[in-house]
Amino acid sequence: MEYRGASPPPPMIDHFSILLSHGLLLLAFWRLLRRPELDDEPAPAPSPGGED
């Protein structure tokens, strides 16, 4: 079936919205990776019964 209107129909999701959503996700991921809490790994607490 061929479209015979004055202009073709717009795409379902345009490229701008895909770029915007993925860009915001990338920015959020980048900011989470840059948090200082990710570099700090405290030592585990000693068990009350001595060694395991």
Protein backbone atom coordinates (compact mmCIF):
# COMPACT_ATOMS: atom_id res chain seq x y z
CA MET A 1 0.00 0.00 0.00
CA GLU A 2 1.39 3.39 -0.97
CA TYR A 3 0.97 6.61 0.99
CA ARG A 4 -0.56 9.33 -1.21
CA GLY A 5 -0.82 12.26 1.23
CA ALA A 6 0.83 15.66 0.93
CA SER A 7 3.77 14.61 3.09
CA PRO A 8 4.93 11.30 4.55
CA PRO A 9 3.72 10.51 8.05
CA PRO A 10 6.10 11.36 10.89
CA PRO A 11 8.13 8.50 12.35
CA MET A 12 6.80 6.83 15.48
CA ILE A 13 9.74 7.99 17.61
CA ASP A 14 12.00 10.68 16.24
CA HIS A 15 15.75 10.64 16.56
CA PHE A 16 15.85 13.66 18.87
CA SER A 17 13.82 11.94 21.59
CA ILE A 18 16.01 8.83 21.39
CA LEU A 19 19.17 10.94 21.56
CA LEU A 20 17.82 13.00 24.46
CA SER A 21 16.73 10.02 26.57
CA HIS A 22 19.94 8.07 25.97
CA GLY A 23 22.04 11.16 26.61
CA LEU A 24 20.34 11.74 29.96
CA LEU A 25 20.83 8.11 30.93
CA LEU A 26 24.51 8.35 30.01
CA LEU A 27 24.89 11.53 32.06
CA ALA A 28 23.24 9.91 35.10
CA PHE A 29 25.43 6.81 34.76
CA TRP A 30 28.57 8.94 34.44
CA ARG A 31 27.68 10.97 37.54
CA LEU A 32 27.01 7.80 39.55
CA LEU A 33 30.41 6.40 38.57
CA ARG A 34 32.13 9.59 39.71
CA ARG A 35 30.77 9.39 43.28
CA PRO A 36 33.45 8.98 45.96
CA GLU A 37 31.42 6.34 47.83
CA LEU A 38 32.22 3.83 45.10
CA ASP A 39 35.94 4.00 45.94
CA ASP A 40 35.45 3.44 49.68
CA GLU A 41 35.08 -0.18 50.68
CA PRO A 42 35.08 -0.60 54.47
CA ALA A 43 36.59 -3.71 56.03
CA PRO A 44 34.08 -6.31 57.18
CA ALA A 45 33.24 -6.34 60.87
CA PRO A 46 34.90 -9.11 62.87
CA SER A 47 32.66 -11.99 63.78
CA PRO A 48 31.76 -12.26 67.50
CA GLY A 49 32.92 -15.88 67.76
CA GLY A 50 36.48 -15.30 66.59
CA GLU A 51 37.58 -16.95 63.37
CA ASP A 52 35.09 -18.64 61.08
